[in-house]
Amino acid sequence: MMAEAAVRYAVDDDGVAHMIWDTPGLDVNVLNDASLDAFISAINRFVEDGAARGLIISSAKRTFRAGGDLKML
């Protein structure tokens, strides 16, 4: 079973790409290996996406980021 992605990526009809950070199972976004990999993957999709003309990075949580995984850091 594949884990739920920490970053959703979509391009709207105007060519604006949206990256939405939403760490699954947590009330806040935490910087960890999974979210960092998802962020890099979404950025790479944007760079390679010929339909995307701009990028908006936002959070599905109240705050953009609340902390980091100390074991990862």
N, C-alpha and C. Protein backbone atom coordinates (compact mmCIF):
# COMPACT_ATOMS: atom_id res chain seq x y z
N MET A 1 0.85 -1.20 0.00
CA MET A 1 0.00 0.00 0.00
C MET A 1 0.89 1.25 0.00
N MET A 2 0.57 2.18 -0.87
CA MET A 2 1.36 3.40 -0.98
C MET A 2 0.92 4.42 0.05
N ALA A 3 1.89 5.08 0.68
CA ALA A 3 1.56 6.10 1.68
C ALA A 3 0.96 7.32 1.00
N GLU A 4 0.07 8.00 1.71
CA GLU A 4 -0.54 9.23 1.20
C GLU A 4 0.54 10.30 1.06
N ALA A 5 0.53 11.01 -0.05
CA ALA A 5 1.54 12.03 -0.30
C ALA A 5 1.36 13.22 0.63
N ALA A 6 2.49 13.79 1.05
CA ALA A 6 2.47 14.95 1.94
C ALA A 6 2.26 16.24 1.17
N VAL A 7 2.45 16.20 -0.15
CA VAL A 7 2.27 17.38 -1.00
C VAL A 7 1.41 17.01 -2.20
N ARG A 8 0.32 17.74 -2.39
CA ARG A 8 -0.53 17.54 -3.56
C ARG A 8 -0.10 18.55 -4.64
N TYR A 9 -0.16 18.11 -5.89
CA TYR A 9 0.24 18.97 -7.01
C TYR A 9 -0.86 18.91 -8.06
N ALA A 10 -1.27 20.07 -8.53
CA ALA A 10 -2.27 20.15 -9.60
C ALA A 10 -2.05 21.45 -10.37
N VAL A 11 -2.44 21.43 -11.64
CA VAL A 11 -2.36 22.62 -12.48
C VAL A 11 -3.78 23.02 -12.85
N ASP A 12 -4.13 24.29 -12.61
CA ASP A 12 -5.49 24.74 -12.92
C ASP A 12 -5.61 25.13 -14.40
N ASP A 13 -6.79 25.55 -14.81
CA ASP A 13 -7.07 25.89 -16.21
C ASP A 13 -6.28 27.09 -16.71
N ASP A 14 -5.77 27.91 -15.79
CA ASP A 14 -4.98 29.08 -16.18
C ASP A 14 -3.49 28.77 -16.26
N GLY A 15 -3.11 27.52 -16.03
CA GLY A 15 -1.70 27.13 -16.08
C GLY A 15 -0.95 27.41 -14.79
N VAL A 16 -1.67 27.66 -13.72
CA VAL A 16 -1.03 27.89 -12.43
C VAL A 16 -0.96 26.57 -11.68
N ALA A 17 0.26 26.19 -11.32
CA ALA A 17 0.46 24.95 -10.55
C ALA A 17 0.27 25.27 -9.07
N HIS A 18 -0.35 24.35 -8.36
CA HIS A 18 -0.58 24.49 -6.93
C HIS A 18 0.05 23.32 -6.20
N MET A 19 0.96 23.64 -5.28
CA MET A 19 1.53 22.64 -4.38
C MET A 19 0.92 22.89 -3.01
N ILE A 20 0.24 21.89 -2.47
CA ILE A 20 -0.41 22.05 -1.17
C ILE A 20 0.21 21.05 -0.20
N TRP A 21 0.90 21.59 0.83
CA TRP A 21 1.55 20.75 1.83
C TRP A 21 0.53 20.34 2.87
N ASP A 22 0.37 19.05 3.05
CA ASP A 22 -0.63 18.53 3.98
C ASP A 22 -0.13 17.19 4.54
N THR A 23 0.71 17.26 5.57
CA THR A 23 1.26 16.04 6.16
C THR A 23 0.13 15.16 6.67
N PRO A 24 0.01 13.95 6.12
CA PRO A 24 -1.11 13.07 6.51
C PRO A 24 -1.02 12.61 7.96
N GLY A 25 -2.17 12.59 8.61
CA GLY A 25 -2.27 12.07 9.96
C GLY A 25 -1.81 13.01 11.06
N LEU A 26 -1.42 14.23 10.71
CA LEU A 26 -0.95 15.19 11.71
C LEU A 26 -1.76 16.49 11.62
N ASP A 27 -1.86 17.19 12.74
CA ASP A 27 -2.56 18.47 12.77
C ASP A 27 -1.71 19.61 12.21
N VAL A 28 -0.40 19.38 12.10
CA VAL A 28 0.53 20.39 11.60
C VAL A 28 1.44 19.74 10.56
N ASN A 29 2.04 20.57 9.73
CA ASN A 29 3.04 20.07 8.78
C ASN A 29 4.39 19.99 9.47
N VAL A 30 5.04 18.85 9.33
CA VAL A 30 6.34 18.62 9.94
C VAL A 30 7.33 18.26 8.85
N LEU A 31 8.49 18.91 8.88
CA LEU A 31 9.53 18.59 7.93
C LEU A 31 10.17 17.26 8.33
N ASN A 32 10.01 16.27 7.46
CA ASN A 32 10.62 14.96 7.69
C ASN A 32 11.01 14.38 6.34
N ASP A 33 11.55 13.17 6.34
CA ASP A 33 12.00 12.57 5.08
C ASP A 33 10.88 12.48 4.05
N ALA A 34 9.70 12.05 4.49
CA ALA A 34 8.57 11.87 3.56
C ALA A 34 8.12 13.20 2.96
N SER A 35 7.99 14.23 3.80
CA SER A 35 7.53 15.52 3.28
C SER A 35 8.59 16.17 2.40
N LEU A 36 9.86 16.00 2.75
CA LEU A 36 10.93 16.56 1.92
C LEU A 36 10.96 15.87 0.55
N ASP A 37 10.82 14.55 0.53
CA ASP A 37 10.78 13.82 -0.74
C ASP A 37 9.58 14.26 -1.58
N ALA A 38 8.41 14.43 -0.94
CA ALA A 38 7.20 14.86 -1.65
C ALA A 38 7.37 16.28 -2.20
N PHE A 39 8.00 17.16 -1.43
CA PHE A 39 8.25 18.53 -1.88
C PHE A 39 9.15 18.54 -3.10
N ILE A 40 10.24 17.78 -3.04
CA ILE A 40 11.18 17.72 -4.16
C ILE A 40 10.50 17.14 -5.39
N SER A 41 9.72 16.10 -5.21
CA SER A 41 8.99 15.49 -6.31
C SER A 41 8.03 16.47 -6.97
N ALA A 42 7.31 17.24 -6.16
CA ALA A 42 6.36 18.21 -6.71
C ALA A 42 7.09 19.34 -7.44
N ILE A 43 8.21 19.80 -6.90
CA ILE A 43 9.01 20.84 -7.58
C ILE A 43 9.50 20.31 -8.92
N ASN A 44 9.97 19.07 -8.94
CA ASN A 44 10.43 18.47 -10.21
C ASN A 44 9.28 18.36 -11.21
N ARG A 45 8.09 18.00 -10.75
CA ARG A 45 6.93 17.95 -11.66
C ARG A 45 6.67 19.31 -12.25
N PHE A 46 6.75 20.36 -11.43
CA PHE A 46 6.52 21.72 -11.93
C PHE A 46 7.56 22.09 -12.99
N VAL A 47 8.82 21.83 -12.70
CA VAL A 47 9.89 22.19 -13.64
C VAL A 47 9.71 21.47 -14.97
N GLU A 48 9.26 20.22 -14.93
CA GLU A 48 9.11 19.42 -16.15
C GLU A 48 7.75 19.63 -16.83
N ASP A 49 6.81 20.29 -16.17
CA ASP A 49 5.45 20.44 -16.68
C ASP A 49 5.36 21.62 -17.64
N GLY A 50 5.24 21.33 -18.92
CA GLY A 50 5.16 22.38 -19.92
C GLY A 50 3.87 23.21 -19.84
N ALA A 51 2.83 22.70 -19.18
CA ALA A 51 1.55 23.41 -19.07
C ALA A 51 1.55 24.42 -17.94
N ALA A 52 2.47 24.27 -16.98
CA ALA A 52 2.49 25.16 -15.80
C ALA A 52 3.27 26.43 -16.11
N ARG A 53 2.62 27.58 -15.83
CA ARG A 53 3.24 28.89 -16.09
C ARG A 53 3.65 29.60 -14.82
N GLY A 54 3.18 29.13 -13.69
CA GLY A 54 3.51 29.73 -12.41
C GLY A 54 3.24 28.70 -11.32
N LEU A 55 3.70 29.00 -10.10
CA LEU A 55 3.57 28.05 -9.00
C LEU A 55 3.17 28.76 -7.72
N ILE A 56 2.16 28.21 -7.05
CA ILE A 56 1.75 28.69 -5.73
C ILE A 56 1.97 27.55 -4.76
N ILE A 57 2.73 27.82 -3.69
CA ILE A 57 2.98 26.82 -2.65
C ILE A 57 2.21 27.26 -1.41
N SER A 58 1.35 26.37 -0.91
CA SER A 58 0.54 26.72 0.26
C SER A 58 0.43 25.52 1.19
N SER A 59 -0.25 25.73 2.29
CA SER A 59 -0.44 24.70 3.30
C SER A 59 -1.93 24.43 3.49
N ALA A 60 -2.27 23.17 3.70
CA ALA A 60 -3.65 22.82 4.03
C ALA A 60 -3.91 22.99 5.53
N LYS A 61 -2.85 23.26 6.28
CA LYS A 61 -2.95 23.44 7.73
C LYS A 61 -3.01 24.94 8.06
N ARG A 62 -3.28 25.26 9.32
CA ARG A 62 -3.33 26.67 9.75
C ARG A 62 -1.99 27.37 9.59
N THR A 63 -0.91 26.64 9.84
CA THR A 63 0.43 27.20 9.69
C THR A 63 1.13 26.46 8.56
N PHE A 64 2.13 27.10 7.97
CA PHE A 64 2.84 26.46 6.87
C PHE A 64 3.66 25.28 7.36
N ARG A 65 4.43 25.48 8.44
CA ARG A 65 5.25 24.43 9.02
C ARG A 65 5.36 24.65 10.51
N ALA A 66 5.27 23.56 11.28
CA ALA A 66 5.33 23.70 12.72
C ALA A 66 6.62 23.19 13.32
N GLY A 67 7.40 22.45 12.58
CA GLY A 67 8.65 21.94 13.14
C GLY A 67 9.27 20.91 12.23
N GLY A 68 10.32 20.30 12.74
CA GLY A 68 11.02 19.28 11.98
C GLY A 68 11.21 18.03 12.80
N ASP A 69 11.39 16.94 12.12
CA ASP A 69 11.66 15.66 12.76
C ASP A 69 13.11 15.68 13.23
N LEU A 70 13.33 15.76 14.52
CA LEU A 70 14.69 15.89 15.06
C LEU A 70 15.57 14.69 14.73
N LYS A 71 14.97 13.52 14.60
CA LYS A 71 15.75 12.34 14.23
C LYS A 71 16.28 12.46 12.81
N MET A 72 15.49 13.09 11.92
CA MET A 72 15.92 13.28 10.55
C MET A 72 17.01 14.34 10.48
N LEU A 73 16.84 15.44 11.22
CA LEU A 73 17.78 16.54 11.17
C LEU A 73 19.08 16.14 11.83
